[in-house]
C-alpha atoms as a PDB file:
ATOM      1  CA  MET A   1      23.152 -17.315   9.568  1.00  0.00           C
ATOM      2  CA  VAL A   2      21.741 -15.545   7.091  1.00  0.00           C
ATOM      3  CA  LEU A   3      23.829 -11.937   8.245  1.00  0.00           C
ATOM      4  CA  GLU A   4      26.766 -12.211  10.190  1.00  0.00           C
ATOM      5  CA  LEU A   5      28.645  -9.091  11.835  1.00  0.00           C
ATOM      6  CA  LEU A   6      32.555  -9.976  12.758  1.00  0.00           C
ATOM      7  CA  ASP A   7      34.053  -7.446  15.097  1.00  0.00           C
ATOM      8  CA  VAL A   8      33.336  -4.767  12.641  1.00  0.00           C
ATOM      9  CA  VAL A   9      34.525  -1.088  12.812  1.00  0.00           C
ATOM     10  CA  ARG A  10      33.444   1.717  10.972  1.00  0.00           C
ATOM     11  CA  THR A  11      35.326   5.255  11.282  1.00  0.00           C
ATOM     12  CA  TYR A  12      34.170   8.632  10.151  1.00  0.00           C
ATOM     13  CA  ARG A  13      36.640  11.277  10.241  1.00  0.00           C
ATOM     14  CA  SER A  14      36.085  14.765  10.223  1.00  0.00           C
ATOM     15  CA  HIS A  15      37.782  17.390  12.778  1.00  0.00           C
ATOM     16  CA  GLU A  16      38.568  13.927  14.937  1.00  0.00           C
ATOM     17  CA  ALA A  17      38.141   9.814  14.462  1.00  0.00           C
ATOM     18  CA  VAL A  18      35.192   8.955  15.720  1.00  0.00           C
ATOM     19  CA  ARG A  19      33.930   4.994  15.761  1.00  0.00           C
ATOM     20  CA  ALA A  20      30.467   4.878  14.544  1.00  0.00           C
ATOM     21  CA  VAL A  21      30.569   1.156  14.793  1.00  0.00           C
ATOM     22  CA  ASP A  22      33.085  -0.205  17.495  1.00  0.00           C
ATOM     23  CA  GLY A  23      34.006  -3.769  16.825  1.00  0.00           C
ATOM     24  CA  VAL A  24      30.507  -5.234  16.440  1.00  0.00           C
ATOM     25  CA  SER A  25      29.848  -8.919  16.129  1.00  0.00           C
ATOM     26  CA  LEU A  26      26.365 -10.299  15.751  1.00  0.00           C
ATOM     27  CA  GLY A  27      24.376 -12.878  13.525  1.00  0.00           C
ATOM     28  CA  LEU A  28      20.795 -13.541  12.096  1.00  0.00           C
ATOM     29  CA  SER A  29      19.259 -16.763  11.773  1.00  0.00           C
ATOM     30  CA  ARG A  30      16.745 -17.538   8.754  1.00  0.00           C
ATOM     31  CA  GLY A  31      12.994 -16.105   9.760  1.00  0.00           C
ATOM     32  CA  GLU A  32      14.888 -14.572  13.198  1.00  0.00           C
ATOM     33  CA  TRP A  33      13.029 -10.479  13.798  1.00  0.00           C
ATOM     34  CA  VAL A  34      15.488  -8.731  15.610  1.00  0.00           C
ATOM     35  CA  ALA A  35      15.391  -5.281  16.529  1.00  0.00           C
ATOM     36  CA  LEU A  36      18.037  -2.398  17.448  1.00  0.00           C
ATOM     37  CA  VAL A  37      17.642  -0.045  19.498  1.00  0.00           C
ATOM     38  CA  GLY A  38      19.176   2.756  21.076  1.00  0.00           C
ATOM     39  CA  PRO A  39      19.840   6.971  21.023  1.00  0.00           C
ATOM     40  CA  SER A  40      20.475   9.230  18.123  1.00  0.00           C
ATOM     41  CA  GLY A  41      24.074   9.087  16.961  1.00  0.00           C
ATOM     42  CA  CYS A  42      24.564   5.811  18.443  1.00  0.00           C
ATOM     43  CA  GLY A  43      25.483   4.043  15.433  1.00  0.00           C
ATOM     44  CA  LYS A  44      22.126   2.144  14.436  1.00  0.00           C
ATOM     45  CA  SER A  45      22.070   3.806  10.716  1.00  0.00           C
ATOM     46  CA  THR A  46      25.892   3.063  10.116  1.00  0.00           C
ATOM     47  CA  LEU A  47      25.201  -0.529  10.895  1.00  0.00           C
ATOM     48  CA  LEU A  48      22.202  -0.504   8.761  1.00  0.00           C
ATOM     49  CA  GLN A  49      24.505   0.610   6.160  1.00  0.00           C
ATOM     50  CA  LEU A  50      26.776  -1.735   6.676  1.00  0.00           C
ATOM     51  CA  ALA A  51      24.450  -4.908   6.568  1.00  0.00           C
ATOM     52  CA  GLY A  52      22.870  -3.708   3.135  1.00  0.00           C
ATOM     53  CA  LEU A  53      25.951  -3.470   1.562  1.00  0.00           C
ATOM     54  CA  LEU A  54      25.847   0.094   1.002  1.00  0.00           C
ATOM     55  CA  ASP A  55      29.322   1.026   2.886  1.00  0.00           C
ATOM     56  CA  ARG A  56      32.598  -1.437   3.694  1.00  0.00           C
ATOM     57  CA  PRO A  57      33.874  -1.297   7.355  1.00  0.00           C
ATOM     58  CA  ASP A  58      37.187  -0.091   8.074  1.00  0.00           C
ATOM     59  CA  SER A  59      38.187  -4.129   9.502  1.00  0.00           C
ATOM     60  CA  GLY A  60      36.037  -6.828  10.682  1.00  0.00           C
ATOM     61  CA  ARG A  61      33.246  -9.083   8.102  1.00  0.00           C
ATOM     62  CA  VAL A  62      29.966  -8.505   6.677  1.00  0.00           C
ATOM     63  CA  LEU A  63      29.108 -11.957   5.631  1.00  0.00           C
ATOM     64  CA  LEU A  64      25.526 -12.242   4.013  1.00  0.00           C
ATOM     65  CA  GLU A  65      23.966 -15.836   3.741  1.00  0.00           C
ATOM     66  CA  GLY A  66      27.976 -16.998   4.186  1.00  0.00           C
ATOM     67  CA  LEU A  67      29.585 -15.084   1.629  1.00  0.00           C
ATOM     68  CA  ASP A  68      32.636 -12.879   2.775  1.00  0.00           C
ATOM     69  CA  THR A  69      30.865  -9.635   1.363  1.00  0.00           C
ATOM     70  CA  THR A  70      34.286  -7.339   2.314  1.00  0.00           C
ATOM     71  CA  VAL A  71      36.237  -8.814  -0.021  1.00  0.00           C
ATOM     72  CA  THR A  72      33.454  -8.958  -3.121  1.00  0.00           C
ATOM     73  CA  ASP A  73      33.799  -6.237  -6.262  1.00  0.00           C
ATOM     74  CA  GLU A  74      31.127  -3.567  -6.394  1.00  0.00           C
ATOM     75  CA  GLY A  75      29.270  -5.987  -8.863  1.00  0.00           C
ATOM     76  CA  THR A  76      28.795  -8.764  -7.165  1.00  0.00           C
ATOM     77  CA  ARG A  77      27.751  -6.299  -4.203  1.00  0.00           C
ATOM     78  CA  THR A  78      24.960  -4.829  -6.525  1.00  0.00           C
ATOM     79  CA  ARG A  79      23.466  -8.021  -7.466  1.00  0.00           C
ATOM     80  CA  LEU A  80      23.502  -9.088  -3.812  1.00  0.00           C
ATOM     81  CA  ARG A  81      21.748  -6.304  -2.691  1.00  0.00           C
ATOM     82  CA  ARG A  82      19.165  -6.305  -5.813  1.00  0.00           C
ATOM     83  CA  GLY A  83      18.733 -10.621  -5.359  1.00  0.00           C
ATOM     84  CA  ARG A  84      18.986 -11.548  -1.392  1.00  0.00           C
ATOM     85  CA  LEU A  85      18.687  -7.755   0.102  1.00  0.00           C
ATOM     86  CA  ALA A  86      15.223  -5.272   0.457  1.00  0.00           C
ATOM     87  CA  THR A  87      15.194  -2.121   2.362  1.00  0.00           C
ATOM     88  CA  VAL A  88      11.834  -0.246   4.222  1.00  0.00           C
ATOM     89  CA  PHE A  89      12.183   3.065   4.790  1.00  0.00           C
ATOM     90  CA  GLN A  90      10.698   5.991   7.397  1.00  0.00           C
ATOM     91  CA  PHE A  91       9.538   7.757   4.230  1.00  0.00           C
ATOM     92  CA  PHE A  92       8.104   5.140   1.595  1.00  0.00           C
ATOM     93  CA  HIS A  93      10.502   6.585  -1.102  1.00  0.00           C
ATOM     94  CA  LEU A  94       7.988   5.193  -3.302  1.00  0.00           C
ATOM     95  CA  LEU A  95       8.591   7.099  -6.777  1.00  0.00           C
ATOM     96  CA  PRO A  96       5.767   9.532  -7.686  1.00  0.00           C
ATOM     97  CA  THR A  97       4.614   8.877 -10.975  1.00  0.00           C
ATOM     98  CA  LEU A  98       4.646   5.638 -11.158  1.00  0.00           C
ATOM     99  CA  SER A  99       1.440   3.745 -10.070  1.00  0.00           C
ATOM    100  CA  VAL A 100       1.329   1.402  -7.316  1.00  0.00           C
ATOM    101  CA  ARG A 101       1.779  -1.591  -9.187  1.00  0.00           C
ATOM    102  CA  GLU A 102       4.743  -0.106 -11.029  1.00  0.00           C
ATOM    103  CA  ASN A 103       6.425   0.547  -7.616  1.00  0.00           C
ATOM    104  CA  VAL A 104       6.406  -2.504  -6.626  1.00  0.00           C
ATOM    105  CA  ALA A 105       7.466  -4.190 -10.290  1.00  0.00           C
ATOM    106  CA  LEU A 106      10.288  -2.197 -10.203  1.00  0.00           C
ATOM    107  CA  PRO A 107      12.936  -4.328  -8.604  1.00  0.00           C
ATOM    108  CA  LEU A 108      11.589  -7.354 -10.700  1.00  0.00           C
ATOM    109  CA  HIS A 109      12.409  -5.521 -13.842  1.00  0.00           C
ATOM    110  CA  LEU A 110      15.706  -4.570 -13.098  1.00  0.00           C
ATOM    111  CA  ASN A 111      16.523  -8.127 -11.946  1.00  0.00           C
ATOM    112  CA  GLY A 112      15.488  -9.149 -15.659  1.00  0.00           C
ATOM    113  CA  LEU A 113      12.397 -11.440 -14.638  1.00  0.00           C
ATOM    114  CA  SER A 114       9.793 -11.788 -17.083  1.00  0.00           C
ATOM    115  CA  VAL A 115       6.724  -9.089 -17.724  1.00  0.00           C
ATOM    116  CA  ARG A 116       4.405 -12.214 -16.958  1.00  0.00           C
ATOM    117  CA  GLU A 117       6.274 -13.449 -14.289  1.00  0.00           C
ATOM    118  CA  ALA A 118       6.795  -9.857 -12.734  1.00  0.00           C
ATOM    119  CA  ARG A 119       2.904  -9.612 -13.345  1.00  0.00           C
ATOM    120  CA  GLU A 120       2.025 -12.525 -11.375  1.00  0.00           C
ATOM    121  CA  ARG A 121       4.259 -12.032  -8.279  1.00  0.00           C
ATOM    122  CA  VAL A 122       3.094  -8.592  -7.858  1.00  0.00           C
ATOM    123  CA  GLU A 123      -0.883  -8.943  -8.454  1.00  0.00           C
ATOM    124  CA  ALA A 124      -0.164 -11.822  -5.875  1.00  0.00           C
ATOM    125  CA  LEU A 125       1.818  -9.890  -3.480  1.00  0.00           C
ATOM    126  CA  LEU A 126      -1.051  -6.689  -3.678  1.00  0.00           C
ATOM    127  CA  GLY A 127      -3.275  -9.337  -2.862  1.00  0.00           C
ATOM    128  CA  ARG A 128      -1.865 -10.388   0.063  1.00  0.00           C
ATOM    129  CA  LEU A 129      -1.290  -7.070   1.358  1.00  0.00           C
ATOM    130  CA  GLY A 130      -5.180  -5.576   0.462  1.00  0.00           C
ATOM    131  CA  LEU A 131      -3.857  -3.619  -2.073  1.00  0.00           C
ATOM    132  CA  SER A 132      -5.144  -4.737  -5.112  1.00  0.00           C
ATOM    133  CA  GLU A 133      -7.857  -1.943  -5.292  1.00  0.00           C
ATOM    134  CA  ARG A 134      -5.337   1.074  -5.066  1.00  0.00           C
ATOM    135  CA  ALA A 135      -2.972  -0.848  -8.065  1.00  0.00           C
ATOM    136  CA  ASP A 136      -3.349   1.740 -10.427  1.00  0.00           C
ATOM    137  CA  HIS A 137      -3.486   4.732  -7.585  1.00  0.00           C
ATOM    138  CA  HIS A 138      -0.189   6.937  -7.436  1.00  0.00           C
ATOM    139  CA  PRO A 139       2.048   7.744  -4.318  1.00  0.00           C
ATOM    140  CA  HIS A 140      -0.146  10.982  -3.684  1.00  0.00           C
ATOM    141  CA  GLN A 141      -3.352   9.200  -3.720  1.00  0.00           C
ATOM    142  CA  LEU A 142      -2.874   6.734  -0.595  1.00  0.00           C
ATOM    143  CA  SER A 143      -2.646   7.091   2.667  1.00  0.00           C
ATOM    144  CA  GLY A 144       0.532   6.966   5.092  1.00  0.00           C
ATOM    145  CA  GLY A 145       0.111   3.291   6.011  1.00  0.00           C
ATOM    146  CA  GLN A 146      -0.994   2.572   2.466  1.00  0.00           C
ATOM    147  CA  MET A 147       2.344   4.056   1.600  1.00  0.00           C
ATOM    148  CA  GLN A 148       4.033   1.775   3.936  1.00  0.00           C
ATOM    149  CA  ARG A 149       2.596  -0.943   2.712  1.00  0.00           C
ATOM    150  CA  VAL A 150       3.714  -0.412  -0.871  1.00  0.00           C
ATOM    151  CA  ALA A 151       7.084   0.079   0.370  1.00  0.00           C
ATOM    152  CA  ILE A 152       6.954  -3.654   2.180  1.00  0.00           C
ATOM    153  CA  ALA A 153       5.170  -5.104  -0.877  1.00  0.00           C
ATOM    154  CA  ARG A 154       8.183  -3.554  -2.792  1.00  0.00           C
ATOM    155  CA  ALA A 155      10.664  -4.665  -0.520  1.00  0.00           C
ATOM    156  CA  LEU A 156       9.456  -7.989  -0.330  1.00  0.00           C
ATOM    157  CA  VAL A 157       8.480  -9.177  -4.509  1.00  0.00           C
ATOM    158  CA  HIS A 158      12.379 -10.315  -5.355  1.00  0.00           C
ATOM    159  CA  ARG A 159      11.717 -12.414  -1.972  1.00  0.00           C
ATOM    160  CA  PRO A 160      15.330 -11.271  -0.366  1.00  0.00           C
ATOM    161  CA  ALA A 161      16.662 -12.960   2.463  1.00  0.00           C
ATOM    162  CA  LEU A 162      17.076 -10.033   4.692  1.00  0.00           C
ATOM    163  CA  ILE A 163      14.795  -7.085   4.884  1.00  0.00           C
ATOM    164  CA  LEU A 164      16.376  -4.342   7.341  1.00  0.00           C
ATOM    165  CA  ALA A 165      13.962  -1.573   8.226  1.00  0.00           C
ATOM    166  CA  ASP A 166      14.861   1.888   9.128  1.00  0.00           C
ATOM    167  CA  GLU A 167      11.895   2.891  11.381  1.00  0.00           C
ATOM    168  CA  PRO A 168       9.295   2.002   9.160  1.00  0.00           C
ATOM    169  CA  THR A 169       6.869   3.724  11.866  1.00  0.00           C
ATOM    170  CA  GLY A 170       8.228   6.425  12.259  1.00  0.00           C
ATOM    171  CA  ASN A 171       6.326   8.744   9.946  1.00  0.00           C
ATOM    172  CA  LEU A 172       2.879   7.149  10.974  1.00  0.00           C
ATOM    173  CA  ASP A 173       0.605   7.497  13.613  1.00  0.00           C
ATOM    174  CA  SER A 174       0.111   4.997  16.460  1.00  0.00           C
ATOM    175  CA  HIS A 175      -2.473   2.831  15.237  1.00  0.00           C
ATOM    176  CA  THR A 176      -1.167   3.127  11.801  1.00  0.00           C
ATOM    177  CA  GLY A 177       1.915   2.024  12.848  1.00  0.00           C
ATOM    178  CA  GLU A 178       0.682  -1.031  14.687  1.00  0.00           C
ATOM    179  CA  GLU A 179      -1.057  -2.333  11.909  1.00  0.00           C
ATOM    180  CA  VAL A 180       2.269  -1.698   9.669  1.00  0.00           C
ATOM    181  CA  LEU A 181       4.178  -3.829  12.089  1.00  0.00           C
ATOM    182  CA  ASP A 182       2.121  -6.885  12.407  1.00  0.00           C
ATOM    183  CA  LEU A 183       1.812  -6.340   8.453  1.00  0.00           C
ATOM    184  CA  LEU A 184       5.786  -6.647   8.018  1.00  0.00           C
ATOM    185  CA  GLY A 185       6.004  -9.711  10.511  1.00  0.00           C
ATOM    186  CA  ARG A 186       3.559 -11.433   9.336  1.00  0.00           C
ATOM    187  CA  ILE A 187       4.514 -11.581   5.778  1.00  0.00           C
ATOM    188  CA  THR A 188       8.143 -11.671   6.415  1.00  0.00           C
ATOM    189  CA  ARG A 189       7.632 -14.319   8.647  1.00  0.00           C
ATOM    190  CA  GLU A 190       5.493 -16.168   5.693  1.00  0.00           C
ATOM    191  CA  GLU A 191       8.463 -15.561   3.668  1.00  0.00           C
ATOM    192  CA  GLY A 192      11.139 -17.033   5.424  1.00  0.00           C
ATOM    193  CA  ALA A 193      12.970 -13.713   5.733  1.00  0.00           C
ATOM    194  CA  THR A 194      15.205 -12.046   8.251  1.00  0.00           C
ATOM    195  CA  LEU A 195      13.956  -8.817   9.675  1.00  0.00           C
ATOM    196  CA  LEU A 196      16.783  -6.629  10.726  1.00  0.00           C
ATOM    197  CA  MET A 197      14.475  -3.375  12.344  1.00  0.00           C
ATOM    198  CA  VAL A 198      16.011  -0.224  13.871  1.00  0.00           C
ATOM    199  CA  THR A 199      13.656   1.636  15.910  1.00  0.00           C
ATOM    200  CA  HIS A 200      13.394   4.215  18.571  1.00  0.00           C
ATOM    201  CA  ASP A 201      10.310   2.868  19.961  1.00  0.00           C
ATOM    202  CA  ARG A 202      10.361   0.211  22.421  1.00  0.00           C
ATOM    203  CA  GLU A 203       6.996  -0.724  21.897  1.00  0.00           C
ATOM    204  CA  ALA A 204       7.948  -1.599  18.408  1.00  0.00           C
ATOM    205  CA  ALA A 205      10.967  -3.231  19.315  1.00  0.00           C
ATOM    206  CA  ARG A 206       9.102  -5.480  21.938  1.00  0.00           C
ATOM    207  CA  ARG A 207       7.606  -7.253  19.064  1.00  0.00           C
ATOM    208  CA  ALA A 208      10.906  -8.563  17.760  1.00  0.00           C
ATOM    209  CA  ASP A 209      12.304 -11.843  18.879  1.00  0.00           C
ATOM    210  CA  ARG A 210      15.343 -10.478  19.979  1.00  0.00           C
ATOM    211  CA  VAL A 211      16.121  -6.961  21.032  1.00  0.00           C
ATOM    212  CA  LEU A 212      19.589  -5.461  20.596  1.00  0.00           C
ATOM    213  CA  VAL A 213      20.814  -2.292  22.111  1.00  0.00           C
ATOM    214  CA  MET A 214      23.635   0.256  20.612  1.00  0.00           C
ATOM    215  CA  ARG A 215      25.417   2.886  22.699  1.00  0.00           C
ATOM    216  CA  ASP A 216      28.486   4.659  21.423  1.00  0.00           C
ATOM    217  CA  GLY A 217      28.882   2.252  18.624  1.00  0.00           C
ATOM    218  CA  ARG A 218      29.088  -1.118  20.258  1.00  0.00           C
ATOM    219  CA  LEU A 219      26.151  -3.437  21.325  1.00  0.00           C
ATOM    220  CA  VAL A 220      25.928  -3.121  24.872  1.00  0.00           C
ATOM    221  CA  GLY A 221      23.258  -5.984  25.295  1.00  0.00           C
ATOM    222  CA  SER A 222      19.554  -6.138  25.690  1.00  0.00           C
ATOM    223  CA  PRO A 223      16.981  -3.724  27.259  1.00  0.00           C
ATOM    224  CA  ALA A 224      15.587  -4.029  30.797  1.00  0.00           C
END
């Protein structure tokens, strides 16, 4: 398994305790595309943060490639986020002062890859994603679909084991969203990565190998 959540609980406390994630267990295999759907406030984003090692559960375990991340120190968790995880966001989160090429190369520089190897890997991936002619452009010069393709390239360039996609088509029109999903599915499978996608779009979810439904912090099965 690439990702395993074992009886994970995460509670937030304000006026009263709210279990955003309430005893969730799931496993994601290598190369699998899993969609997570459910109403707003059901705990999907919290679950994604736990899977992405941005938060720790109150109880239960989160295993990444067999490593129990709930007992690792923050330095190890940071290295895992940089090396084995990647996230594709709804609003792209590209750095506006960097070119397409520089945005995509950023994770490699953070991981200490040589300039030459980083350049070769970035150019090859931009070519596969049809972005070579946009390599020197900046985000404000791109369409929404192009920006999302750049975000996908940035997520994949360091060859992560697990990709987390948070409403990746939520800021795109339906046609562009279809193209982005085609691309995301094809490239992640070619790279042998596992994809966990949170979405409100049932049509987008149907593209996944498996669809899970979340409600009130719990997984309640597959959609009808």
